[in-house]
C-alpha atoms as a PDB file:
ATOM      1  CA  MET A   1      -2.904 -14.690 -51.891  1.00  0.00           C
ATOM      2  CA  GLY A   2      -6.339 -13.638 -50.606  1.00  0.00           C
ATOM      3  CA  ILE A   3      -6.776 -12.553 -47.032  1.00  0.00           C
ATOM      4  CA  PRO A   4      -8.877 -15.122 -45.189  1.00  0.00           C
ATOM      5  CA  LYS A   5     -11.945 -14.045 -43.302  1.00  0.00           C
ATOM      6  CA  CYS A   6     -12.187 -14.472 -39.568  1.00  0.00           C
ATOM      7  CA  CYS A   7     -13.893 -17.746 -38.682  1.00  0.00           C
ATOM      8  CA  VAL A   8     -15.293 -16.594 -35.344  1.00  0.00           C
ATOM      9  CA  PRO A   9     -17.456 -13.458 -35.227  1.00  0.00           C
ATOM     10  CA  SER A  10     -17.317 -11.365 -32.101  1.00  0.00           C
ATOM     11  CA  GLU A  11     -19.506  -8.612 -30.746  1.00  0.00           C
ATOM     12  CA  ARG A  12     -16.511  -7.391 -28.762  1.00  0.00           C
ATOM     13  CA  LEU A  13     -14.486  -6.809 -31.903  1.00  0.00           C
ATOM     14  CA  ALA A  14     -12.822  -3.440 -31.494  1.00  0.00           C
ATOM     15  CA  PHE A  15     -10.010  -3.753 -34.009  1.00  0.00           C
ATOM     16  CA  SER A  16      -8.169  -6.316 -36.047  1.00  0.00           C
ATOM     17  CA  TRP A  17      -4.755  -6.469 -37.615  1.00  0.00           C
ATOM     18  CA  GLN A  18      -2.971  -8.667 -40.093  1.00  0.00           C
ATOM     19  CA  ILE A  19       0.688  -9.244 -40.748  1.00  0.00           C
ATOM     20  CA  GLN A  20       2.006 -10.962 -43.844  1.00  0.00           C
ATOM     21  CA  TYR A  21       5.246 -12.854 -43.358  1.00  0.00           C
ATOM     22  CA  PRO A  22       6.916 -14.794 -46.174  1.00  0.00           C
ATOM     23  CA  SER A  23       5.394 -18.106 -45.062  1.00  0.00           C
ATOM     24  CA  VAL A  24       2.706 -17.317 -42.497  1.00  0.00           C
ATOM     25  CA  LEU A  25      -0.316 -15.044 -42.388  1.00  0.00           C
ATOM     26  CA  ILE A  26      -1.218 -14.005 -38.849  1.00  0.00           C
ATOM     27  CA  ARG A  27      -4.583 -12.508 -38.087  1.00  0.00           C
ATOM     28  CA  ALA A  28      -5.519 -11.455 -34.566  1.00  0.00           C
ATOM     29  CA  GLU A  29      -8.668  -9.777 -33.410  1.00  0.00           C
ATOM     30  CA  PHE A  30      -9.493  -8.214 -30.075  1.00  0.00           C
ATOM     31  CA  GLY A  31     -11.372 -10.694 -27.930  1.00  0.00           C
ATOM     32  CA  LEU A  32     -10.436 -13.700 -30.076  1.00  0.00           C
ATOM     33  CA  LYS A  33      -7.564 -16.128 -30.108  1.00  0.00           C
ATOM     34  CA  CYS A  34      -4.832 -15.549 -32.653  1.00  0.00           C
ATOM     35  CA  GLU A  35      -5.260 -17.640 -35.801  1.00  0.00           C
ATOM     36  CA  THR A  36      -2.469 -18.635 -38.139  1.00  0.00           C
ATOM     37  CA  MET A  37      -2.361 -20.082 -41.631  1.00  0.00           C
ATOM     38  CA  ASP A  38       0.623 -21.511 -43.433  1.00  0.00           C
ATOM     39  CA  ASP A  39       0.979 -20.312 -47.070  1.00  0.00           C
ATOM     40  CA  SER A  40       1.918 -23.778 -48.264  1.00  0.00           C
ATOM     41  CA  HIS A  41      -1.623 -25.134 -47.794  1.00  0.00           C
ATOM     42  CA  SER A  42      -3.802 -25.501 -50.835  1.00  0.00           C
ATOM     43  CA  ASN A  43      -6.862 -23.895 -49.243  1.00  0.00           C
ATOM     44  CA  PRO A  44      -6.003 -20.317 -48.238  1.00  0.00           C
ATOM     45  CA  ASP A  45      -9.219 -19.933 -46.234  1.00  0.00           C
ATOM     46  CA  GLN A  46      -8.362 -22.844 -43.938  1.00  0.00           C
ATOM     47  CA  PHE A  47      -7.011 -21.711 -40.590  1.00  0.00           C
ATOM     48  CA  HIS A  48      -4.923 -23.736 -38.193  1.00  0.00           C
ATOM     49  CA  LYS A  49      -6.092 -22.663 -34.786  1.00  0.00           C
ATOM     50  CA  PRO A  50      -3.686 -23.146 -31.942  1.00  0.00           C
ATOM     51  CA  ALA A  51      -4.803 -25.450 -29.163  1.00  0.00           C
ATOM     52  CA  ALA A  52      -7.403 -23.649 -27.131  1.00  0.00           C
ATOM     53  CA  HIS A  53      -6.369 -22.680 -23.645  1.00  0.00           C
ATOM     54  CA  THR A  54      -8.213 -25.087 -21.415  1.00  0.00           C
ATOM     55  CA  SER A  55      -9.001 -23.634 -18.057  1.00  0.00           C
ATOM     56  CA  LYS A  56      -9.124 -26.116 -15.264  1.00  0.00           C
ATOM     57  CA  ASN A  57     -12.604 -27.477 -14.730  1.00  0.00           C
ATOM     58  CA  LEU A  58     -13.918 -26.668 -11.241  1.00  0.00           C
ATOM     59  CA  PHE A  59     -14.926 -30.310 -10.933  1.00  0.00           C
ATOM     60  CA  ASP A  60     -11.233 -31.266 -11.132  1.00  0.00           C
ATOM     61  CA  VAL A  61     -10.371 -28.696  -8.477  1.00  0.00           C
ATOM     62  CA  LEU A  62     -13.067 -29.790  -6.017  1.00  0.00           C
ATOM     63  CA  PHE A  63     -12.956 -33.525  -6.713  1.00  0.00           C
ATOM     64  CA  GLY A  64      -9.400 -34.118  -7.939  1.00  0.00           C
ATOM     65  CA  PRO A  65      -7.064 -36.818  -6.619  1.00  0.00           C
ATOM     66  CA  LEU A  66      -5.348 -34.562  -4.085  1.00  0.00           C
ATOM     67  CA  THR A  67      -8.689 -33.374  -2.720  1.00  0.00           C
ATOM     68  CA  ARG A  68      -9.885 -36.985  -2.497  1.00  0.00           C
ATOM     69  CA  VAL A  69      -6.920 -37.978  -0.343  1.00  0.00           C
ATOM     70  CA  PHE A  70      -7.241 -34.885   1.839  1.00  0.00           C
ATOM     71  CA  SER A  71     -10.990 -35.486   2.264  1.00  0.00           C
ATOM     72  CA  LEU A  72     -10.431 -39.053   3.373  1.00  0.00           C
ATOM     73  CA  LEU A  73      -7.750 -37.998   5.871  1.00  0.00           C
ATOM     74  CA  ALA A  74      -9.876 -35.133   7.195  1.00  0.00           C
ATOM     75  CA  ILE A  75     -12.990 -37.246   7.748  1.00  0.00           C
ATOM     76  CA  VAL A  76     -11.167 -40.194   9.296  1.00  0.00           C
ATOM     77  CA  SER A  77      -9.029 -38.027  11.583  1.00  0.00           C
ATOM     78  CA  SER A  78     -12.045 -35.942  12.645  1.00  0.00           C
ATOM     79  CA  PHE A  79     -13.492 -39.000  14.388  1.00  0.00           C
ATOM     80  CA  TYR A  80     -10.290 -39.526  16.393  1.00  0.00           C
ATOM     81  CA  LEU A  81      -9.319 -35.950  17.245  1.00  0.00           C
ATOM     82  CA  PRO A  82     -10.611 -34.485  20.508  1.00  0.00           C
ATOM     83  CA  VAL A  83     -13.407 -31.945  20.097  1.00  0.00           C
ATOM     84  CA  ASP A  84     -11.548 -29.185  21.957  1.00  0.00           C
ATOM     85  CA  GLY A  85      -8.343 -29.602  19.932  1.00  0.00           C
ATOM     86  CA  LEU A  86      -4.944 -31.048  20.704  1.00  0.00           C
ATOM     87  CA  GLY A  87      -3.737 -28.070  22.716  1.00  0.00           C
ATOM     88  CA  ILE A  88      -1.101 -27.263  20.091  1.00  0.00           C
ATOM     89  CA  ASP A  89      -1.355 -23.918  18.307  1.00  0.00           C
ATOM     90  CA  LEU A  90      -0.257 -24.481  14.698  1.00  0.00           C
ATOM     91  CA  CYS A  91      -1.396 -21.136  13.280  1.00  0.00           C
ATOM     92  CA  TRP A  92       1.538 -18.771  12.809  1.00  0.00           C
ATOM     93  CA  ILE A  93      -0.790 -15.778  12.345  1.00  0.00           C
ATOM     94  CA  ARG A  94      -2.345 -16.474  15.744  1.00  0.00           C
ATOM     95  CA  LYS A  95       1.125 -16.868  17.272  1.00  0.00           C
ATOM     96  CA  MET A  96       2.393 -13.592  15.810  1.00  0.00           C
ATOM     97  CA  LEU A  97      -0.704 -11.386  16.112  1.00  0.00           C
ATOM     98  CA  SER A  98      -2.686 -13.137  18.863  1.00  0.00           C
ATOM     99  CA  LEU A  99      -5.639 -13.002  16.463  1.00  0.00           C
ATOM    100  CA  PRO A 100      -7.341 -15.876  14.630  1.00  0.00           C
ATOM    101  CA  CYS A 101      -6.685 -16.275  10.910  1.00  0.00           C
ATOM    102  CA  PRO A 102      -9.590 -16.993   8.519  1.00  0.00           C
ATOM    103  CA  GLY A 103      -8.998 -20.747   8.908  1.00  0.00           C
ATOM    104  CA  CYS A 104      -8.639 -20.892  12.680  1.00  0.00           C
ATOM    105  CA  GLY A 105     -11.191 -23.259  14.158  1.00  0.00           C
ATOM    106  CA  LEU A 106     -11.913 -25.230  10.984  1.00  0.00           C
ATOM    107  CA  THR A 107     -10.338 -28.453  12.243  1.00  0.00           C
ATOM    108  CA  ARG A 108     -12.245 -28.276  15.520  1.00  0.00           C
ATOM    109  CA  SER A 109     -15.436 -27.385  13.629  1.00  0.00           C
ATOM    110  CA  VAL A 110     -15.118 -30.454  11.378  1.00  0.00           C
ATOM    111  CA  THR A 111     -14.262 -32.601  14.403  1.00  0.00           C
ATOM    112  CA  CYS A 112     -17.356 -31.353  16.239  1.00  0.00           C
ATOM    113  CA  ILE A 113     -19.544 -32.292  13.269  1.00  0.00           C
ATOM    114  CA  SER A 114     -18.141 -35.829  13.314  1.00  0.00           C
ATOM    115  CA  HIS A 115     -18.932 -35.992  17.050  1.00  0.00           C
ATOM    116  CA  LEU A 116     -22.450 -34.576  16.382  1.00  0.00           C
ATOM    117  CA  ASN A 117     -21.786 -31.336  18.315  1.00  0.00           C
ATOM    118  CA  PHE A 118     -23.325 -29.013  15.731  1.00  0.00           C
ATOM    119  CA  SER A 119     -23.681 -25.884  17.871  1.00  0.00           C
ATOM    120  CA  GLU A 120     -20.060 -26.094  18.998  1.00  0.00           C
ATOM    121  CA  SER A 121     -19.051 -26.625  15.375  1.00  0.00           C
ATOM    122  CA  TRP A 122     -20.832 -23.418  14.377  1.00  0.00           C
ATOM    123  CA  ASP A 123     -19.138 -21.542  17.230  1.00  0.00           C
ATOM    124  CA  TYR A 124     -15.677 -22.701  16.188  1.00  0.00           C
ATOM    125  CA  HIS A 125     -16.170 -21.888  12.493  1.00  0.00           C
ATOM    126  CA  PRO A 126     -19.395 -21.578  10.455  1.00  0.00           C
ATOM    127  CA  PHE A 127     -17.626 -22.694   7.266  1.00  0.00           C
ATOM    128  CA  GLY A 128     -16.903 -26.065   8.875  1.00  0.00           C
ATOM    129  CA  PHE A 129     -20.264 -27.319   7.595  1.00  0.00           C
ATOM    130  CA  LEU A 130     -19.328 -26.380   4.036  1.00  0.00           C
ATOM    131  CA  PHE A 131     -15.939 -28.092   4.260  1.00  0.00           C
ATOM    132  CA  TYR A 132     -17.446 -31.180   5.888  1.00  0.00           C
ATOM    133  CA  SER A 133     -20.041 -31.369   3.105  1.00  0.00           C
ATOM    134  CA  LEU A 134     -17.284 -31.121   0.503  1.00  0.00           C
ATOM    135  CA  PHE A 135     -15.288 -33.881   2.209  1.00  0.00           C
ATOM    136  CA  VAL A 136     -18.320 -36.191   2.358  1.00  0.00           C
ATOM    137  CA  ALA A 137     -19.227 -35.385  -1.274  1.00  0.00           C
ATOM    138  CA  ASN A 138     -15.672 -36.327  -2.290  1.00  0.00           C
ATOM    139  CA  LEU A 139     -15.930 -39.663  -0.514  1.00  0.00           C
ATOM    140  CA  LEU A 140     -19.401 -40.419  -1.896  1.00  0.00           C
ATOM    141  CA  LEU A 141     -18.284 -39.496  -5.393  1.00  0.00           C
ATOM    142  CA  GLN A 142     -15.556 -42.120  -5.201  1.00  0.00           C
ATOM    143  CA  LEU A 143     -18.193 -44.752  -4.498  1.00  0.00           C
ATOM    144  CA  SER A 144     -20.443 -43.622  -7.338  1.00  0.00           C
ATOM    145  CA  PRO A 145     -20.422 -45.145 -10.845  1.00  0.00           C
ATOM    146  CA  GLU A 146     -18.240 -43.636 -13.554  1.00  0.00           C
ATOM    147  CA  CYS A 147     -21.248 -42.520 -15.588  1.00  0.00           C
ATOM    148  CA  PHE A 148     -22.416 -40.340 -12.674  1.00  0.00           C
ATOM    149  CA  LYS A 149     -18.949 -38.811 -12.327  1.00  0.00           C
ATOM    150  CA  SER A 150     -18.857 -38.124 -16.053  1.00  0.00           C
ATOM    151  CA  ASP A 151     -22.317 -36.515 -15.991  1.00  0.00           C
ATOM    152  CA  LEU A 152     -21.334 -34.360 -13.023  1.00  0.00           C
ATOM    153  CA  ARG A 153     -18.093 -33.296 -14.727  1.00  0.00           C
ATOM    154  CA  ASN A 154     -20.053 -32.391 -17.879  1.00  0.00           C
ATOM    155  CA  SER A 155     -22.536 -30.417 -15.803  1.00  0.00           C
ATOM    156  CA  PHE A 156     -19.680 -28.449 -14.255  1.00  0.00           C
ATOM    157  CA  SER A 157     -18.281 -27.869 -17.749  1.00  0.00           C
ATOM    158  CA  ARG A 158     -21.612 -26.629 -19.109  1.00  0.00           C
ATOM    159  CA  HIS A 159     -21.949 -24.182 -16.233  1.00  0.00           C
ATOM    160  CA  ASP A 160     -18.248 -23.436 -15.932  1.00  0.00           C
ATOM    161  CA  ARG A 161     -18.501 -19.664 -15.633  1.00  0.00           C
ATOM    162  CA  ALA A 162     -21.312 -19.746 -13.057  1.00  0.00           C
ATOM    163  CA  ALA A 163     -19.525 -22.465 -11.081  1.00  0.00           C
ATOM    164  CA  TRP A 164     -16.297 -20.463 -10.920  1.00  0.00           C
ATOM    165  CA  ILE A 165     -18.213 -17.328  -9.910  1.00  0.00           C
ATOM    166  CA  ALA A 166     -19.921 -19.248  -7.097  1.00  0.00           C
ATOM    167  CA  TYR A 167     -16.594 -20.781  -6.040  1.00  0.00           C
ATOM    168  CA  LYS A 168     -14.892 -17.393  -5.921  1.00  0.00           C
ATOM    169  CA  ALA A 169     -17.855 -15.911  -4.030  1.00  0.00           C
ATOM    170  CA  VAL A 170     -17.555 -18.611  -1.355  1.00  0.00           C
ATOM    171  CA  ILE A 171     -13.794 -18.044  -1.074  1.00  0.00           C
ATOM    172  CA  SER A 172     -14.409 -14.285  -0.802  1.00  0.00           C
ATOM    173  CA  CYS A 173     -17.001 -14.818   1.929  1.00  0.00           C
ATOM    174  CA  PHE A 174     -14.537 -17.067   3.753  1.00  0.00           C
ATOM    175  CA  VAL A 175     -11.841 -14.372   3.643  1.00  0.00           C
ATOM    176  CA  VAL A 176     -14.259 -11.565   4.582  1.00  0.00           C
ATOM    177  CA  PHE A 177     -15.517 -13.648   7.516  1.00  0.00           C
ATOM    178  CA  GLY A 178     -11.934 -14.242   8.643  1.00  0.00           C
ATOM    179  CA  ILE A 179     -11.007 -10.561   8.419  1.00  0.00           C
ATOM    180  CA  ALA A 180     -14.202  -9.508  10.216  1.00  0.00           C
ATOM    181  CA  ARG A 181     -13.467 -12.025  12.975  1.00  0.00           C
ATOM    182  CA  MET A 182      -9.910 -10.684  13.276  1.00  0.00           C
ATOM    183  CA  VAL A 183     -11.214  -7.129  13.630  1.00  0.00           C
ATOM    184  CA  TRP A 184     -13.846  -8.274  16.135  1.00  0.00           C
ATOM    185  CA  CYS A 185     -11.241 -10.106  18.219  1.00  0.00           C
ATOM    186  CA  TYR A 186      -8.848  -7.160  18.040  1.00  0.00           C
ATOM    187  CA  PHE A 187     -11.381  -4.809  19.631  1.00  0.00           C
ATOM    188  CA  ASP A 188     -12.850  -7.452  21.943  1.00  0.00           C
ATOM    189  CA  THR A 189      -9.688  -8.870  23.501  1.00  0.00           C
ATOM    190  CA  GLY A 190     -11.307  -9.625  26.845  1.00  0.00           C
ATOM    191  CA  GLN A 191     -12.687 -12.958  25.610  1.00  0.00           C
ATOM    192  CA  ASN A 192     -10.953 -16.043  24.323  1.00  0.00           C
ATOM    193  CA  HIS A 193     -11.887 -16.457  20.651  1.00  0.00           C
ATOM    194  CA  VAL A 194     -11.369 -19.716  18.817  1.00  0.00           C
END
C-alpha cells in the first residue's frame, strides 16, 4: 500500500510521523489535525478526517440564549432598582477584604444609566456602559430579522480570531481595572469606595 500524501500543507510543519497498523494508517503532522485512512477503502489516497474541533463562536457567547435572558432581566430590573443600591452587600470579596472586587459597582452603574445619571454611572464603574450596551444589543438583536442575525453570526465567524482577541482584551482590561481599584482602595482607605 502506498503512503498517502498530506492533504493540508503547513508552513509550521516541523516533523511528521506515520504508523502502519494492520487496518489503519495514521499520519499526524505538527500543526495539523491527525488524519486516518482505513485500508479497506479502494482509494488509498482518500483520507477520512475526523470532525474538526469547532470552537464556540463569539457570537454565541455574547448573544446566546442565556445571555439573552440575563440581558432582559438586567435591563428591566435596572429601571426598578434604586440608584444608590439596595443597601445589601452581596460581594463576598468586599465582605472578607473590605476592598471592592472587579465587578463591584456594576449593578449600580447599569441602574444609573437606566435612570440617565451618566456621571454617577461612570463613578460606580466605567465598564457599566459596555455592559449596558451589550444588554441593549442583545435585546435589539432579538427584535431583528433572522437574516440580520445570520449575517452578524457569519461576520463573527469570518473574523473569529480578531473577535476573540478583542473579547479577551476587554476581559483583561476589566480585571486589570478591578485589581488597580483594589490596590488604590487599599492604600486610600480614608474614603468610601464603591
